[in-house]
Amino acid sequence: MTLAQLNKGEKAIIEDLNTDLVPLKLIEMGCLPGNQIELLQLAPFKGPLFLNVNGAQVAIRKETAEHIQVKRTTE
């Protein structure tokens, strides 16, 4: 599943991402395979997703989130 398919409040582990389509800045902030990510908020009308990545709050486009493969966690 992709990051774009998570629901508000869900946590996941990043499994893979397309480094050609995900901005380098996001990767530098810790959006790497094996790291935990939490979806904090979804903006309406296909707006950005607000995430917690390694303690940093980040907003990314839904189109970018579709290129990040994740696995839901229960913690």
N, C-alpha and C. Protein backbone atom coordinates (compact mmCIF):
# COMPACT_ATOMS: atom_id res chain seq x y z
N MET A 1 0.85 -1.18 0.00
CA MET A 1 0.00 0.00 0.00
C MET A 1 0.89 1.24 0.00
N THR A 2 0.31 2.36 -0.36
CA THR A 2 1.08 3.60 -0.41
C THR A 2 0.72 4.50 0.77
N LEU A 3 1.57 5.46 1.00
CA LEU A 3 1.34 6.43 2.07
C LEU A 3 0.03 7.19 1.85
N ALA A 4 -0.34 7.41 0.61
CA ALA A 4 -1.57 8.13 0.29
C ALA A 4 -2.83 7.37 0.72
N GLN A 5 -2.70 6.08 0.99
CA GLN A 5 -3.86 5.26 1.38
C GLN A 5 -4.06 5.18 2.89
N LEU A 6 -3.17 5.75 3.67
CA LEU A 6 -3.33 5.74 5.12
C LEU A 6 -4.47 6.65 5.54
N ASN A 7 -5.05 6.34 6.69
CA ASN A 7 -6.09 7.18 7.26
C ASN A 7 -5.48 8.04 8.36
N LYS A 8 -6.15 9.14 8.69
CA LYS A 8 -5.67 10.05 9.72
C LYS A 8 -5.40 9.29 11.02
N GLY A 9 -4.23 9.53 11.61
CA GLY A 9 -3.86 8.91 12.87
C GLY A 9 -3.14 7.58 12.74
N GLU A 10 -3.10 7.01 11.56
CA GLU A 10 -2.44 5.72 11.38
C GLU A 10 -0.92 5.88 11.27
N LYS A 11 -0.23 4.86 11.76
CA LYS A 11 1.22 4.81 11.67
C LYS A 11 1.62 3.69 10.73
N ALA A 12 2.78 3.87 10.11
CA ALA A 12 3.26 2.87 9.17
C ALA A 12 4.79 2.90 9.14
N ILE A 13 5.35 1.84 8.60
CA ILE A 13 6.79 1.74 8.37
C ILE A 13 7.00 1.90 6.87
N ILE A 14 7.94 2.75 6.50
CA ILE A 14 8.26 2.94 5.09
C ILE A 14 8.99 1.70 4.59
N GLU A 15 8.48 1.09 3.53
CA GLU A 15 9.11 -0.10 2.96
C GLU A 15 9.97 0.22 1.75
N ASP A 16 9.52 1.13 0.91
CA ASP A 16 10.25 1.48 -0.31
C ASP A 16 9.74 2.82 -0.82
N LEU A 17 10.57 3.49 -1.60
CA LEU A 17 10.14 4.72 -2.23
C LEU A 17 10.90 4.90 -3.53
N ASN A 18 10.27 5.63 -4.43
CA ASN A 18 10.87 5.90 -5.72
C ASN A 18 11.71 7.16 -5.58
N THR A 19 13.03 7.00 -5.50
CA THR A 19 13.92 8.14 -5.25
C THR A 19 13.93 9.14 -6.41
N ASP A 20 13.48 8.72 -7.58
CA ASP A 20 13.41 9.64 -8.71
C ASP A 20 12.21 10.59 -8.61
N LEU A 21 11.16 10.16 -7.89
CA LEU A 21 9.93 10.95 -7.82
C LEU A 21 9.67 11.58 -6.45
N VAL A 22 10.45 11.19 -5.44
CA VAL A 22 10.30 11.76 -4.10
C VAL A 22 11.39 12.82 -3.93
N PRO A 23 11.03 14.04 -3.51
CA PRO A 23 12.03 15.10 -3.37
C PRO A 23 13.16 14.73 -2.41
N LEU A 24 14.37 15.11 -2.75
CA LEU A 24 15.55 14.83 -1.95
C LEU A 24 15.41 15.39 -0.54
N LYS A 25 14.79 16.55 -0.41
CA LYS A 25 14.60 17.17 0.90
C LYS A 25 13.80 16.26 1.84
N LEU A 26 12.81 15.58 1.32
CA LEU A 26 12.00 14.66 2.12
C LEU A 26 12.84 13.47 2.57
N ILE A 27 13.68 12.97 1.69
CA ILE A 27 14.56 11.85 2.03
C ILE A 27 15.56 12.28 3.10
N GLU A 28 16.11 13.50 2.98
CA GLU A 28 17.05 14.02 3.96
C GLU A 28 16.41 14.20 5.34
N MET A 29 15.11 14.41 5.38
CA MET A 29 14.40 14.60 6.65
C MET A 29 14.06 13.26 7.31
N GLY A 30 14.45 12.16 6.70
CA GLY A 30 14.26 10.86 7.33
C GLY A 30 13.20 9.99 6.69
N CYS A 31 12.70 10.35 5.56
CA CYS A 31 11.70 9.54 4.87
C CYS A 31 12.43 8.43 4.12
N LEU A 32 12.89 7.45 4.88
CA LEU A 32 13.70 6.35 4.35
C LEU A 32 13.10 5.01 4.73
N PRO A 33 13.35 3.97 3.95
CA PRO A 33 12.86 2.64 4.30
C PRO A 33 13.29 2.24 5.71
N GLY A 34 12.33 1.69 6.47
CA GLY A 34 12.58 1.26 7.84
C GLY A 34 12.15 2.27 8.88
N ASN A 35 11.94 3.52 8.50
CA ASN A 35 11.52 4.54 9.45
C ASN A 35 10.01 4.57 9.60
N GLN A 36 9.57 4.96 10.81
CA GLN A 36 8.13 5.05 11.08
C GLN A 36 7.62 6.42 10.66
N ILE A 37 6.39 6.42 10.19
CA ILE A 37 5.75 7.64 9.73
C ILE A 37 4.30 7.63 10.23
N GLU A 38 3.77 8.79 10.60
CA GLU A 38 2.39 8.89 11.08
C GLU A 38 1.67 9.97 10.30
N LEU A 39 0.47 9.64 9.86
CA LEU A 39 -0.36 10.63 9.15
C LEU A 39 -1.13 11.44 10.19
N LEU A 40 -0.78 12.71 10.31
CA LEU A 40 -1.39 13.57 11.32
C LEU A 40 -2.69 14.21 10.84
N GLN A 41 -2.71 14.62 9.58
CA GLN A 41 -3.86 15.36 9.06
C GLN A 41 -3.93 15.25 7.54
N LEU A 42 -5.13 15.25 7.03
CA LEU A 42 -5.37 15.27 5.59
C LEU A 42 -6.07 16.57 5.23
N ALA A 43 -5.51 17.32 4.31
CA ALA A 43 -6.17 18.55 3.86
C ALA A 43 -7.28 18.18 2.88
N PRO A 44 -8.36 18.94 2.86
CA PRO A 44 -9.46 18.63 1.95
C PRO A 44 -9.12 18.93 0.49
N PHE A 45 -9.92 18.41 -0.40
CA PHE A 45 -9.82 18.67 -1.83
C PHE A 45 -8.46 18.29 -2.42
N LYS A 46 -8.02 17.09 -2.08
CA LYS A 46 -6.73 16.56 -2.58
C LYS A 46 -5.55 17.44 -2.20
N GLY A 47 -5.66 18.09 -1.04
CA GLY A 47 -4.58 18.93 -0.54
C GLY A 47 -3.46 18.08 0.04
N PRO A 48 -2.49 18.72 0.69
CA PRO A 48 -1.34 17.99 1.20
C PRO A 48 -1.67 17.08 2.38
N LEU A 49 -0.77 16.15 2.65
CA LEU A 49 -0.84 15.28 3.81
C LEU A 49 0.17 15.81 4.82
N PHE A 50 -0.23 15.89 6.08
CA PHE A 50 0.66 16.36 7.13
C PHE A 50 1.14 15.14 7.90
N LEU A 51 2.46 14.97 7.97
CA LEU A 51 3.06 13.76 8.52
C LEU A 51 4.00 14.07 9.67
N ASN A 52 4.22 13.05 10.51
CA ASN A 52 5.27 13.08 11.51
C ASN A 52 6.30 12.06 11.06
N VAL A 53 7.50 12.54 10.70
CA VAL A 53 8.59 11.67 10.27
C VAL A 53 9.77 11.93 11.19
N ASN A 54 10.11 10.95 12.03
CA ASN A 54 11.23 11.10 12.97
C ASN A 54 11.12 12.35 13.83
N GLY A 55 9.92 12.68 14.27
CA GLY A 55 9.71 13.82 15.13
C GLY A 55 9.55 15.15 14.39
N ALA A 56 9.76 15.15 13.10
CA ALA A 56 9.58 16.36 12.30
C ALA A 56 8.22 16.33 11.62
N GLN A 57 7.53 17.46 11.64
CA GLN A 57 6.24 17.55 10.96
C GLN A 57 6.46 18.06 9.55
N VAL A 58 5.93 17.31 8.58
CA VAL A 58 6.17 17.59 7.18
C VAL A 58 4.85 17.57 6.42
N ALA A 59 4.72 18.42 5.43
CA ALA A 59 3.55 18.40 4.54
C ALA A 59 4.04 17.99 3.15
N ILE A 60 3.37 17.00 2.57
CA ILE A 60 3.74 16.56 1.22
C ILE A 60 2.49 16.45 0.35
N ARG A 61 2.69 16.54 -0.93
CA ARG A 61 1.58 16.40 -1.87
C ARG A 61 1.11 14.95 -1.91
N LYS A 62 -0.15 14.78 -2.20
CA LYS A 62 -0.71 13.43 -2.31
C LYS A 62 -0.03 12.67 -3.45
N GLU A 63 0.31 13.36 -4.53
CA GLU A 63 0.99 12.72 -5.66
C GLU A 63 2.34 12.15 -5.23
N THR A 64 3.04 12.84 -4.34
CA THR A 64 4.32 12.36 -3.82
C THR A 64 4.09 11.15 -2.91
N ALA A 65 3.05 11.22 -2.08
CA ALA A 65 2.74 10.13 -1.15
C ALA A 65 2.42 8.83 -1.88
N GLU A 66 1.95 8.92 -3.10
CA GLU A 66 1.62 7.73 -3.87
C GLU A 66 2.87 6.97 -4.34
N HIS A 67 4.04 7.57 -4.20
CA HIS A 67 5.30 6.93 -4.60
C HIS A 67 6.06 6.37 -3.40
N ILE A 68 5.43 6.37 -2.22
CA ILE A 68 6.06 5.85 -1.01
C ILE A 68 5.28 4.63 -0.54
N GLN A 69 5.91 3.47 -0.58
CA GLN A 69 5.29 2.22 -0.16
C GLN A 69 5.45 2.06 1.35
N VAL A 70 4.35 1.74 2.04
CA VAL A 70 4.38 1.59 3.49
C VAL A 70 3.65 0.32 3.93
N LYS A 71 3.90 -0.04 5.19
CA LYS A 71 3.19 -1.15 5.82
C LYS A 71 2.64 -0.63 7.14
N ARG A 72 1.32 -0.76 7.33
CA ARG A 72 0.69 -0.27 8.56
C ARG A 72 1.27 -0.99 9.79
N THR A 73 1.35 -0.24 10.90
CA THR A 73 1.76 -0.82 12.18
C THR A 73 0.61 -0.67 13.17
N THR A 74 0.66 -1.44 14.23
CA THR A 74 -0.40 -1.40 15.24
C THR A 74 -0.02 -0.57 16.45
N GLU A 75 1.22 -0.13 16.53
CA GLU A 75 1.64 0.64 17.71
C GLU A 75 1.27 2.08 17.61
